[in-house]
Amino acid sequence: DLNHHGGNQCMGVAKSQLTSIIELFLSIFSRAYEIAATQNARSLGENARRSSHGKKRTTNPSENNNAAPRIQSSQLDQNIKNLRHDSQPDNSSLRRTDDAPSPSKNLFGNEAGELKASTTGTSSRIIDDPEIQEEWSNIRDLARDLFQVYFTTDDSYADVEQMNHIKCKFHSLFLGTMPWLTQYIRKLDLPRPVVETLLLIEASFRGIGQVYFQNNPLSGLVILVAMFVQSSRVAIHGVIALFAGNLAGIFMGFDKCLVSCGLFGYNSFLVGLALATFHRTADNNGFSWQIIVGSVIFAYFSSILFILLGKLLGPYKTPPFTFPFNFATLTFLLATSNELHKGDNSVINNGGSISAQDFLAGSVRGLGQVFLANNIISGVLVLVAIGICSRISALSAFLGSVIGAGVAVLAGNSVEAIENGMFGFNPSLTFTAMLMFYVPSLGSFSVGIIASVVTVFVQGACETVMRPYGLPFMTLPFCFSALSYIAIQGTTSNVISVPLSSMTAPEDHLKRVRRLSDGFQLLCGGKFFFSF
């Protein structure tokens, strides 16, 4: 059980140990391939082929359907002994290039799709037998299938070159983080300015999704549609600020990877939405050049704050969350004295009963309130957008909003505020963050519930402090709560934290840990065996 192996430190040790074991396996396979013309080599390749085909056949009902034949260590040792007895020492070098692209990059320290094996001796030769090459390909692909997690940082979905597989085409194209899209745009035979513009648009859509930790441009597009459903005026201000924040990251020469992932867009997008929401005018259909200019300036400011807070929080391996958005927006509101004029905006101690229908509607609206939208259709679209990238994140986002609304009901808070989703959006963000920064498990799920409940009370405290000044608390409760729980990563063995550099989607994180668990069985099970 990896929960008792110390999180990231354990994962690093396992990676080092398993890499050494894999190198041993590869040397064995290389030796077998060098004398593959012998009957024993053909037998070993046949075992690998049967193991590969076994995935498609129905296994014993008492066994896992994904289980496949295992080559026990005693059988492997006997094969190696026979192979060494039949072979003659020489110095051979083999280089083979597959016709089909390799599913992973630089897995074994060589170029993708190429394999080089060296043995002792004085001569070199190349084996071109197609049948033997196919046997070795089966062995190599089986090893990659099990161990690719130890060599790659993003194994979320298949490469763009493998989109010809019908069964995973939809999943690879549109779900997850869509890692193929950036490379596809860069390879387009178009003028460079056009390509750069398309990359900026893609990064902007990713930035919208990053508000909910979803690095998927399609998720961002759906959320943008949800904002236009709520208010086209507010959405336009958000788009202006979104591009301003991304352009700030480009012109300042910040890390291009951060720009392409949309990390300079999510705070600036929220800044534009907030300034347009909190500024009300009856002139020009609600548009004001002061707010447009303010959106650009403070979106730029939020990008600077993102880098600043990133450097300050870097030692704690914690991101800035939406602190830059909150600081930039509050700075604007305080400087212009353009507070949120909604009369008594109290959301505490008003009591009252609420129907199940209104409670559910409030929970859905809570998802949209992250983007300052209380339209229930907008809330549904936001939930759909999250689900495009990660079903686990969508579930956690909705559960967080339900928990927030439920705690508010039990505490006797304003029924109107609950119906409008005011108690749902901060806990929703918190719960989603817990299952993103920690590998989904019973432990991280429990932490998410507790953190969501705490967020409701932090929101009450923020609202009490800021109400006399006519200022909104926005997502500050989420930031304070999430920061507290994420900063402790690495100090507890009950949850496994996910490094920021390898963060994609909760489904990917869970898949990696399951593969690591297989690796520990390989190390600590008493016998070495293959489990494909």
Protein backbone atom coordinates (compact mmCIF):
# COMPACT_ATOMS: atom_id res chain seq x y z
CA ASP A 1 0.00 0.00 0.00
CA LEU A 2 1.65 3.20 -1.15
CA ASN A 3 -0.10 5.26 1.48
CA HIS A 4 2.52 4.02 3.95
CA HIS A 5 5.55 4.82 1.81
CA GLY A 6 5.87 8.55 2.39
CA GLY A 7 4.31 10.26 -0.66
CA ASN A 8 6.71 11.89 -3.11
CA GLN A 9 9.88 10.67 -1.37
CA CYS A 10 8.69 7.10 -1.73
CA MET A 11 7.79 7.64 -5.38
CA GLY A 12 11.27 8.96 -6.11
CA VAL A 13 12.97 5.98 -4.42
CA ALA A 14 10.68 3.57 -6.25
CA LYS A 15 11.47 5.22 -9.57
CA SER A 16 15.22 4.86 -9.02
CA GLN A 17 14.99 1.22 -7.92
CA LEU A 18 12.57 0.20 -10.64
CA THR A 19 14.68 1.89 -13.31
CA SER A 20 17.62 -0.32 -12.32
CA ILE A 21 15.42 -3.42 -12.50
CA ILE A 22 14.09 -2.41 -15.90
CA GLU A 23 17.64 -1.98 -17.19
CA LEU A 24 18.35 -5.55 -16.06
CA PHE A 25 15.26 -6.79 -17.85
CA LEU A 26 16.22 -4.94 -21.01
CA SER A 27 19.72 -6.44 -21.00
CA ILE A 28 18.11 -9.87 -20.76
CA PHE A 29 15.76 -9.09 -23.61
CA SER A 30 18.62 -7.71 -25.71
CA ARG A 31 20.61 -10.91 -25.18
CA ALA A 32 17.60 -12.98 -26.14
CA TYR A 33 17.10 -10.91 -29.26
CA GLU A 34 20.72 -11.25 -30.33
CA ILE A 35 20.37 -15.04 -30.59
CA ALA A 36 16.69 -14.94 -31.49
CA ALA A 37 17.28 -17.40 -34.35
CA THR A 38 17.46 -20.18 -31.77
CA GLN A 39 14.42 -22.12 -30.67
CA ASN A 40 14.64 -20.80 -27.11
CA ALA A 41 14.47 -17.19 -28.26
CA ARG A 42 11.41 -18.01 -30.37
CA SER A 43 9.82 -19.64 -27.33
CA LEU A 44 10.38 -16.52 -25.21
CA GLY A 45 8.88 -14.33 -27.93
CA GLU A 46 5.88 -16.66 -28.17
CA ASN A 47 5.29 -16.26 -24.41
CA ALA A 48 5.28 -12.49 -24.84
CA ARG A 49 2.88 -12.69 -27.79
CA ARG A 50 0.46 -14.91 -25.86
CA SER A 51 0.64 -12.48 -22.94
CA SER A 52 -0.21 -9.57 -25.25
CA HIS A 53 -3.12 -11.43 -26.84
CA GLY A 54 -4.32 -12.59 -23.44
CA LYS A 55 -5.60 -9.09 -22.74
CA LYS A 56 -8.23 -9.57 -25.42
CA ARG A 57 -9.38 -13.01 -24.22
CA THR A 58 -11.74 -13.69 -21.31
CA THR A 59 -9.83 -14.82 -18.24
CA ASN A 60 -10.90 -17.06 -15.38
CA PRO A 61 -13.92 -15.48 -13.58
CA SER A 62 -12.07 -15.68 -10.29
CA GLU A 63 -9.25 -13.52 -11.68
CA ASN A 64 -9.07 -9.89 -12.65
CA ASN A 65 -10.22 -9.36 -16.23
CA ASN A 66 -7.12 -7.29 -16.89
CA ALA A 67 -4.78 -10.00 -15.65
CA ALA A 68 -2.46 -11.72 -18.13
CA PRO A 69 -0.04 -14.65 -17.96
CA ARG A 70 2.96 -14.08 -15.72
CA ILE A 71 6.43 -15.29 -16.48
CA GLN A 72 7.77 -16.53 -13.15
CA SER A 73 11.34 -15.86 -12.19
CA SER A 74 12.31 -19.56 -12.24
CA GLN A 75 11.12 -19.93 -15.84
CA LEU A 76 12.95 -16.74 -16.83
CA ASP A 77 16.16 -17.88 -15.16
CA GLN A 78 15.99 -21.23 -17.00
CA ASN A 79 15.44 -19.47 -20.32
CA ILE A 80 18.41 -17.19 -19.69
CA LYS A 81 20.59 -20.14 -18.72
CA ASN A 82 19.68 -22.00 -21.92
CA LEU A 83 20.23 -18.90 -24.03
CA ARG A 84 23.68 -18.26 -22.59
CA HIS A 85 24.65 -21.91 -23.08
CA ASP A 86 23.69 -21.83 -26.76
CA SER A 87 25.20 -18.42 -27.56
CA GLN A 88 28.70 -17.49 -28.64
CA PRO A 89 30.38 -14.38 -27.26
CA ASP A 90 30.67 -11.55 -29.73
CA ASN A 91 30.27 -7.82 -29.86
CA SER A 92 27.06 -6.93 -31.61
CA SER A 93 25.07 -3.81 -31.96
CA LEU A 94 21.48 -3.65 -33.05
CA ARG A 95 19.54 -0.63 -34.19
CA ARG A 96 15.93 -1.01 -35.20
CA THR A 97 13.40 1.58 -36.26
CA ASP A 98 9.70 0.75 -36.11
CA ASP A 99 7.43 1.52 -39.01
CA ALA A 100 4.75 2.70 -36.59
CA PRO A 101 5.48 5.57 -34.19
CA SER A 102 6.31 4.61 -30.63
CA PRO A 103 3.56 5.29 -28.05
CA SER A 104 5.98 6.89 -25.63
CA LYS A 105 8.95 9.20 -25.75
CA ASN A 106 12.50 8.34 -24.77
CA LEU A 107 11.35 5.48 -22.57
CA PHE A 108 14.57 3.53 -22.39
CA GLY A 109 17.11 6.30 -22.90
CA ASN A 110 17.07 6.00 -26.72
CA GLU A 111 15.11 7.82 -29.40
CA ALA A 112 11.43 6.88 -29.60
CA GLY A 113 10.83 3.90 -31.82
CA GLU A 114 14.52 2.87 -31.79
CA LEU A 115 16.28 0.23 -29.78
CA LYS A 116 19.99 -0.30 -29.31
CA ALA A 117 21.42 -3.34 -27.51
CA SER A 118 25.08 -4.15 -26.94
CA THR A 119 26.82 -7.35 -25.84
CA THR A 120 30.42 -8.51 -25.45
CA GLY A 121 32.55 -9.82 -28.33
CA THR A 122 34.45 -8.70 -31.41
CA SER A 123 31.96 -8.54 -34.28
CA SER A 124 28.74 -6.69 -35.07
CA ARG A 125 25.71 -7.66 -37.13
CA ILE A 126 22.09 -6.68 -37.81
CA ILE A 127 19.23 -9.14 -37.58
CA ASP A 128 16.57 -8.43 -40.17
CA ASP A 129 14.26 -11.41 -39.70
CA PRO A 130 10.73 -9.82 -39.71
CA GLU A 131 9.28 -12.59 -37.56
CA ILE A 132 11.98 -12.20 -34.91
CA GLN A 133 11.58 -8.41 -35.00
CA GLU A 134 7.86 -8.85 -34.36
CA GLU A 135 8.60 -11.10 -31.39
CA TRP A 136 10.95 -8.55 -29.89
CA SER A 137 8.43 -5.77 -30.56
CA ASN A 138 5.85 -7.67 -28.49
CA ILE A 139 8.30 -8.01 -25.60
CA ARG A 140 9.30 -4.36 -25.76
CA ASP A 141 5.73 -3.05 -25.93
CA LEU A 142 4.70 -5.17 -22.97
CA ALA A 143 7.55 -3.74 -20.90
CA ARG A 144 6.65 -0.22 -21.96
CA ASP A 145 3.00 -0.76 -21.11
CA LEU A 146 3.88 -1.56 -17.51
CA PHE A 147 6.82 0.75 -16.88
CA GLN A 148 6.14 3.85 -18.98
CA VAL A 149 5.02 5.78 -15.88
CA TYR A 150 8.58 5.71 -14.54
CA PHE A 151 10.01 7.43 -17.60
CA THR A 152 7.41 10.00 -18.57
CA THR A 153 5.89 12.94 -16.71
CA ASP A 154 2.69 13.11 -18.73
CA ASP A 155 1.21 9.76 -19.70
CA SER A 156 -2.33 11.08 -19.65
CA TYR A 157 -3.37 9.95 -23.11
CA ALA A 158 -2.04 8.59 -26.39
CA ASP A 159 0.20 10.67 -28.64
CA VAL A 160 -1.30 12.56 -31.56
CA GLU A 161 0.29 10.05 -33.95
CA GLN A 162 -1.80 7.24 -32.40
CA MET A 163 -5.19 8.78 -33.06
CA ASN A 164 -5.90 6.05 -35.62
CA HIS A 165 -7.00 3.74 -32.82
CA ILE A 166 -10.80 4.03 -33.02
CA LYS A 167 -11.55 2.86 -29.49
CA CYS A 168 -9.49 5.65 -27.89
CA LYS A 169 -9.82 8.33 -30.57
CA PHE A 170 -12.57 10.35 -28.89
CA HIS A 171 -10.95 9.99 -25.47
CA SER A 172 -7.57 11.09 -26.80
CA LEU A 173 -8.89 13.99 -28.84
CA PHE A 174 -11.23 15.74 -26.48
CA LEU A 175 -10.90 14.43 -22.93
CA GLY A 176 -8.11 14.92 -20.42
CA THR A 177 -5.63 17.72 -21.06
CA MET A 178 -5.51 17.37 -24.88
CA PRO A 179 -1.68 17.44 -24.95
CA TRP A 180 -1.60 16.84 -28.71
CA LEU A 181 -3.27 20.12 -29.67
CA THR A 182 -0.30 22.42 -29.06
CA GLN A 183 2.04 20.29 -31.17
CA TYR A 184 -0.59 19.99 -33.88
CA ILE A 185 -0.93 23.78 -34.13
CA ARG A 186 2.84 24.23 -34.25
CA LYS A 187 3.12 21.80 -37.17
CA LEU A 188 0.51 23.60 -39.27
CA ASP A 189 1.83 24.86 -42.60
CA LEU A 190 0.78 28.44 -41.95
CA PRO A 191 2.62 31.76 -41.57
CA ARG A 192 4.29 32.12 -38.19
CA PRO A 193 2.09 35.05 -37.03
CA VAL A 194 -1.01 32.93 -37.68
CA VAL A 195 0.42 29.97 -35.77
CA GLU A 196 1.40 32.20 -32.84
CA THR A 197 -2.11 33.69 -32.79
CA LEU A 198 -3.67 30.22 -32.72
CA LEU A 199 -1.35 29.23 -29.86
CA LEU A 200 -2.39 32.36 -27.95
CA ILE A 201 -6.07 31.50 -28.44
CA GLU A 202 -5.47 27.93 -27.29
CA ALA A 203 -3.57 29.16 -24.21
CA SER A 204 -6.41 31.59 -23.46
CA PHE A 205 -9.02 28.82 -23.52
CA ARG A 206 -6.79 26.71 -21.27
CA GLY A 207 -6.55 29.68 -18.92
CA ILE A 208 -10.33 29.81 -18.52
CA GLY A 209 -10.37 26.12 -17.62
CA GLN A 210 -7.48 26.59 -15.19
CA VAL A 211 -9.79 28.51 -12.86
CA TYR A 212 -11.06 25.03 -11.92
CA PHE A 213 -7.60 23.41 -12.45
CA GLN A 214 -8.70 22.00 -15.82
CA ASN A 215 -5.93 22.34 -18.42
CA ASN A 216 -8.23 21.69 -21.35
CA PRO A 217 -9.06 24.28 -24.07
CA LEU A 218 -12.42 22.68 -24.78
CA SER A 219 -13.37 23.06 -21.12
CA GLY A 220 -12.42 26.72 -21.35
CA LEU A 221 -14.54 27.19 -24.46
CA VAL A 222 -17.63 25.71 -22.78
CA ILE A 223 -17.10 27.90 -19.70
CA LEU A 224 -16.82 30.97 -21.93
CA VAL A 225 -20.15 30.04 -23.51
CA ALA A 226 -21.58 29.81 -19.99
CA MET A 227 -20.36 33.36 -19.30
CA PHE A 228 -22.09 34.69 -22.43
CA VAL A 229 -25.28 32.95 -21.26
CA GLN A 230 -24.99 34.91 -18.02
CA SER A 231 -24.02 38.29 -19.51
CA SER A 232 -22.40 39.12 -22.83
CA ARG A 233 -21.11 42.44 -21.45
CA VAL A 234 -19.35 40.78 -18.52
CA ALA A 235 -18.02 37.99 -20.75
CA ILE A 236 -16.51 40.50 -23.20
CA HIS A 237 -14.68 42.26 -20.37
CA GLY A 238 -13.41 38.86 -19.23
CA VAL A 239 -12.07 38.05 -22.71
CA ILE A 240 -10.30 41.42 -22.94
CA ALA A 241 -8.62 40.87 -19.58
CA LEU A 242 -7.82 37.26 -20.50
CA PHE A 243 -5.77 38.25 -23.55
CA ALA A 244 -4.17 41.11 -21.63
CA GLY A 245 -2.91 38.72 -18.96
CA ASN A 246 -1.53 36.23 -21.49
CA LEU A 247 0.14 38.96 -23.53
CA ALA A 248 1.72 40.27 -20.35
CA GLY A 249 3.29 36.86 -19.78
CA ILE A 250 4.59 36.82 -23.36
CA PHE A 251 5.94 40.40 -23.45
CA MET A 252 7.60 40.02 -20.05
CA GLY A 253 9.39 36.92 -21.29
CA PHE A 254 8.03 34.62 -18.60
CA ASP A 255 8.22 30.83 -18.89
CA LYS A 256 6.60 29.79 -22.19
CA CYS A 257 5.33 26.58 -20.64
CA LEU A 258 3.39 28.58 -18.06
CA VAL A 259 1.91 30.71 -20.82
CA SER A 260 0.93 27.74 -23.00
CA CYS A 261 -0.77 26.04 -20.02
CA GLY A 262 -2.95 29.11 -19.46
CA LEU A 263 -1.52 29.96 -16.05
CA PHE A 264 -1.33 33.67 -16.92
CA GLY A 265 -4.93 33.67 -18.07
CA TYR A 266 -7.12 32.37 -15.28
CA ASN A 267 -6.54 35.21 -12.80
CA SER A 268 -6.79 37.90 -15.47
CA PHE A 269 -10.05 36.38 -16.79
CA LEU A 270 -11.57 36.57 -13.32
CA VAL A 271 -10.35 40.16 -12.95
CA GLY A 272 -12.23 41.22 -16.08
CA LEU A 273 -15.39 39.42 -14.97
CA ALA A 274 -15.23 40.98 -11.49
CA LEU A 275 -14.63 44.56 -12.59
CA ALA A 276 -17.50 44.35 -15.09
CA THR A 277 -19.80 42.77 -12.47
CA PHE A 278 -19.05 45.24 -9.69
CA HIS A 279 -19.18 48.30 -11.95
CA ARG A 280 -22.69 49.30 -12.97
CA THR A 281 -23.62 52.00 -15.45
CA ALA A 282 -26.69 52.74 -17.52
CA ASP A 283 -24.68 54.34 -20.32
CA ASN A 284 -23.45 52.62 -23.52
CA ASN A 285 -25.28 49.38 -22.69
CA GLY A 286 -23.21 49.00 -19.55
CA PHE A 287 -19.81 49.44 -21.24
CA SER A 288 -17.34 51.94 -19.88
CA TRP A 289 -13.90 52.78 -21.22
CA GLN A 290 -12.67 53.22 -17.64
CA ILE A 291 -13.55 49.61 -16.82
CA ILE A 292 -12.07 48.33 -20.09
CA VAL A 293 -8.79 50.12 -19.39
CA GLY A 294 -8.92 48.99 -15.76
CA SER A 295 -9.45 45.39 -16.87
CA VAL A 296 -6.35 45.54 -19.06
CA ILE A 297 -4.15 47.19 -16.43
CA PHE A 298 -5.17 44.99 -13.53
CA ALA A 299 -5.10 41.85 -15.63
CA TYR A 300 -1.48 42.73 -16.34
CA PHE A 301 -0.99 43.34 -12.62
CA SER A 302 -2.47 39.93 -11.79
CA SER A 303 0.15 38.28 -14.03
CA ILE A 304 2.93 40.03 -12.11
CA LEU A 305 1.33 38.99 -8.82
CA PHE A 306 1.15 35.42 -10.09
CA ILE A 307 4.93 35.30 -10.53
CA LEU A 308 5.56 37.09 -7.24
CA LEU A 309 3.37 34.78 -5.18
CA GLY A 310 4.67 31.78 -7.10
CA LYS A 311 8.21 32.62 -5.96
CA LEU A 312 7.09 33.20 -2.38
CA LEU A 313 5.10 29.96 -2.21
CA GLY A 314 7.58 27.93 -4.25
CA PRO A 315 9.44 26.49 -1.21
CA TYR A 316 6.11 25.10 0.01
CA LYS A 317 5.32 23.55 -3.41
CA THR A 318 2.04 25.46 -3.40
CA PRO A 319 0.58 27.50 -6.31
CA PRO A 320 -0.80 31.03 -5.90
CA PHE A 321 -4.36 29.80 -6.58
CA THR A 322 -6.57 32.87 -7.20
CA PHE A 323 -4.76 35.19 -4.75
CA PRO A 324 -3.57 37.41 -7.66
CA PHE A 325 -7.17 37.88 -8.83
CA ASN A 326 -8.37 38.78 -5.34
CA PHE A 327 -5.53 41.21 -4.63
CA ALA A 328 -5.79 42.92 -8.02
CA THR A 329 -9.58 43.28 -7.87
CA LEU A 330 -9.66 44.51 -4.27
CA THR A 331 -6.94 47.01 -5.09
CA PHE A 332 -9.07 48.42 -7.91
CA LEU A 333 -12.24 48.55 -5.80
CA LEU A 334 -10.50 50.23 -2.89
CA ALA A 335 -8.72 52.73 -5.14
CA THR A 336 -11.88 53.75 -7.01
CA SER A 337 -14.30 53.41 -4.07
CA ASN A 338 -16.51 51.48 -6.46
CA GLU A 339 -17.77 48.94 -3.99
CA LEU A 340 -20.37 46.29 -4.52
CA HIS A 341 -23.62 48.19 -3.97
CA LYS A 342 -26.23 45.59 -3.20
CA GLY A 343 -27.58 47.06 -0.01
CA ASP A 344 -27.37 44.60 2.89
CA ASN A 345 -25.32 41.80 1.41
CA SER A 346 -25.28 39.80 4.62
CA VAL A 347 -25.31 36.04 4.19
CA ILE A 348 -25.37 35.04 7.85
CA ASN A 349 -27.97 34.53 10.57
CA ASN A 350 -31.06 35.11 8.42
CA GLY A 351 -32.47 31.59 8.85
CA GLY A 352 -35.48 30.18 7.06
CA SER A 353 -36.37 26.89 5.38
CA ILE A 354 -35.32 25.79 1.91
CA SER A 355 -36.84 23.19 -0.38
CA ALA A 356 -34.85 20.33 -1.86
CA GLN A 357 -35.31 21.80 -5.35
CA ASP A 358 -33.96 25.20 -4.31
CA PHE A 359 -31.11 23.51 -2.46
CA LEU A 360 -30.09 21.57 -5.58
CA ALA A 361 -30.43 24.68 -7.74
CA GLY A 362 -28.24 26.60 -5.32
CA SER A 363 -25.61 23.85 -5.46
CA VAL A 364 -25.52 24.04 -9.25
CA ARG A 365 -25.41 27.84 -9.20
CA GLY A 366 -22.44 27.58 -6.86
CA LEU A 367 -20.37 26.23 -9.75
CA GLY A 368 -21.21 29.25 -11.87
CA GLN A 369 -20.58 31.67 -9.00
CA VAL A 370 -16.87 30.88 -9.27
CA PHE A 371 -17.12 33.03 -12.41
CA LEU A 372 -19.60 35.46 -10.78
CA ALA A 373 -22.57 33.94 -12.64
CA ASN A 374 -25.75 32.92 -10.81
CA ASN A 375 -27.58 31.60 -13.87
CA ILE A 376 -28.41 27.94 -13.35
CA ILE A 377 -27.72 27.15 -17.03
CA SER A 378 -24.27 28.67 -16.63
CA GLY A 379 -23.72 26.44 -13.63
CA VAL A 380 -24.68 23.33 -15.60
CA LEU A 381 -22.34 24.31 -18.44
CA VAL A 382 -19.47 24.82 -15.99
CA LEU A 383 -20.07 21.34 -14.59
CA VAL A 384 -20.06 19.89 -18.11
CA ALA A 385 -16.86 21.77 -18.91
CA ILE A 386 -15.09 20.32 -15.86
CA GLY A 387 -16.32 16.84 -16.77
CA ILE A 388 -14.76 17.13 -20.23
CA CYS A 389 -11.31 17.22 -18.67
CA SER A 390 -11.88 15.11 -15.56
CA ARG A 391 -14.89 13.22 -14.25
CA ILE A 392 -13.33 13.07 -10.80
CA SER A 393 -12.92 16.85 -10.75
CA ALA A 394 -16.53 17.33 -11.87
CA LEU A 395 -17.78 15.10 -9.07
CA SER A 396 -15.60 16.83 -6.47
CA ALA A 397 -16.67 20.29 -7.69
CA PHE A 398 -20.36 19.44 -7.36
CA LEU A 399 -19.92 17.69 -3.99
CA GLY A 400 -18.00 20.68 -2.67
CA SER A 401 -20.85 22.99 -3.63
CA VAL A 402 -23.38 20.62 -2.01
CA ILE A 403 -21.32 20.48 1.20
CA GLY A 404 -21.08 24.27 1.31
CA ALA A 405 -24.81 24.71 0.84
CA GLY A 406 -25.53 21.99 3.41
CA VAL A 407 -23.32 23.56 6.08
CA ALA A 408 -24.94 26.93 5.40
CA VAL A 409 -28.40 25.43 5.92
CA LEU A 410 -27.37 23.77 9.18
CA ALA A 411 -25.83 27.04 10.37
CA GLY A 412 -29.07 28.91 9.66
CA ASN A 413 -27.66 31.23 7.00
CA SER A 414 -29.56 33.26 4.43
CA VAL A 415 -31.85 31.10 2.29
CA GLU A 416 -31.60 33.58 -0.58
CA ALA A 417 -27.80 33.44 -0.50
CA ILE A 418 -27.90 29.62 -0.49
CA GLU A 419 -30.28 29.57 -3.48
CA ASN A 420 -27.93 31.90 -5.38
CA GLY A 421 -24.97 29.61 -4.77
CA MET A 422 -23.10 32.02 -2.52
CA PHE A 423 -22.06 29.25 -0.14
CA GLY A 424 -21.17 26.77 -2.85
CA PHE A 425 -18.44 28.24 -5.01
CA ASN A 426 -15.62 28.49 -2.47
CA PRO A 427 -16.06 24.95 -1.03
CA SER A 428 -16.40 23.68 -4.60
CA LEU A 429 -12.98 25.05 -5.51
CA THR A 430 -11.51 23.69 -2.28
CA PHE A 431 -12.79 20.14 -2.78
CA THR A 432 -11.60 20.14 -6.40
CA ALA A 433 -8.15 21.29 -5.30
CA MET A 434 -7.85 18.52 -2.70
CA LEU A 435 -8.44 15.79 -5.29
CA MET A 436 -6.15 17.52 -7.78
CA PHE A 437 -3.13 18.18 -5.57
CA TYR A 438 -3.52 14.85 -3.77
CA VAL A 439 -3.99 11.51 -5.48
CA PRO A 440 -7.68 10.49 -5.25
CA SER A 441 -8.10 8.12 -2.31
CA LEU A 442 -10.19 7.71 0.80
CA GLY A 443 -7.70 9.91 2.65
CA SER A 444 -7.79 12.78 0.14
CA PHE A 445 -11.58 12.48 -0.13
CA SER A 446 -11.85 12.86 3.66
CA VAL A 447 -9.48 15.83 3.59
CA GLY A 448 -11.63 17.38 0.86
CA ILE A 449 -14.78 17.10 2.96
CA ILE A 450 -13.16 18.63 6.03
CA ALA A 451 -11.51 21.42 4.02
CA SER A 452 -14.84 22.25 2.34
CA VAL A 453 -16.59 22.57 5.70
CA VAL A 454 -13.79 24.77 7.02
CA THR A 455 -14.06 26.96 3.91
CA VAL A 456 -17.67 27.86 4.75
CA PHE A 457 -16.63 29.24 8.14
CA VAL A 458 -13.62 31.03 6.68
CA GLN A 459 -16.04 32.62 4.21
CA GLY A 460 -18.21 33.82 7.09
CA ALA A 461 -15.18 35.38 8.75
CA CYS A 462 -14.09 37.12 5.54
CA GLU A 463 -17.59 38.38 4.93
CA THR A 464 -17.81 39.83 8.43
CA VAL A 465 -14.48 41.63 8.07
CA MET A 466 -15.08 43.01 4.59
CA ARG A 467 -18.79 43.89 4.71
CA PRO A 468 -18.30 47.21 6.54
CA TYR A 469 -16.08 48.36 3.68
CA GLY A 470 -18.55 47.23 1.03
CA LEU A 471 -16.05 44.76 -0.43
CA PRO A 472 -16.81 41.26 -1.74
CA PHE A 473 -14.91 38.30 -0.30
CA MET A 474 -14.78 36.61 -3.75
CA THR A 475 -12.54 33.50 -3.63
CA LEU A 476 -10.40 34.51 -0.64
CA PRO A 477 -11.99 31.82 1.61
CA PHE A 478 -10.98 29.13 -0.88
CA CYS A 479 -7.44 30.52 -1.13
CA PHE A 480 -6.89 30.57 2.63
CA SER A 481 -8.38 27.11 3.19
CA ALA A 482 -6.73 25.40 0.24
CA LEU A 483 -3.36 26.96 1.01
CA SER A 484 -3.50 25.58 4.55
CA TYR A 485 -4.15 22.02 3.41
CA ILE A 486 -1.87 21.99 0.36
CA ALA A 487 1.13 23.47 2.19
CA ILE A 488 1.30 20.43 4.50
CA GLN A 489 1.97 18.02 1.62
CA GLY A 490 4.89 15.72 2.29
CA THR A 491 4.37 15.80 6.06
CA THR A 492 1.61 13.19 6.19
CA SER A 493 1.51 9.58 5.05
CA ASN A 494 -2.28 9.42 4.76
CA VAL A 495 -2.37 11.14 1.37
CA ILE A 496 -0.01 11.18 -1.63
CA SER A 497 0.75 14.63 -3.03
CA VAL A 498 1.15 15.29 -6.74
CA PRO A 499 4.18 17.34 -7.91
CA LEU A 500 3.20 20.51 -9.74
CA SER A 501 5.46 19.60 -12.66
CA SER A 502 3.56 16.36 -13.37
CA MET A 503 0.01 17.53 -12.61
CA THR A 504 -2.54 16.73 -15.30
CA ALA A 505 -5.88 15.24 -14.20
CA PRO A 506 -6.89 13.15 -11.17
CA GLU A 507 -7.48 10.12 -13.39
CA ASP A 508 -3.86 10.29 -14.56
CA HIS A 509 -2.56 10.66 -11.01
CA LEU A 510 -4.53 7.63 -9.87
CA LYS A 511 -3.29 5.57 -12.81
CA ARG A 512 0.32 6.41 -12.02
CA VAL A 513 0.00 5.40 -8.40
CA ARG A 514 -1.60 2.10 -9.36
CA ARG A 515 1.36 1.40 -11.61
CA LEU A 516 3.72 2.31 -8.81
CA SER A 517 1.83 -0.13 -6.61
CA ASP A 518 2.54 -2.83 -9.20
CA GLY A 519 6.18 -1.82 -9.02
CA PHE A 520 6.31 -2.26 -5.25
CA GLN A 521 4.80 -5.70 -5.63
CA LEU A 522 7.60 -6.43 -8.05
CA LEU A 523 10.19 -5.19 -5.53
CA CYS A 524 8.75 -6.56 -2.31
CA GLY A 525 6.70 -9.57 -3.36
CA GLY A 526 9.54 -12.03 -2.80
CA LYS A 527 9.58 -13.10 -6.47
CA PHE A 528 10.26 -11.20 -9.64
CA PHE A 529 7.59 -11.62 -12.25
CA PHE A 530 6.02 -9.78 -15.13
CA SER A 531 2.44 -8.56 -14.77
CA PHE A 532 1.12 -6.99 -17.93
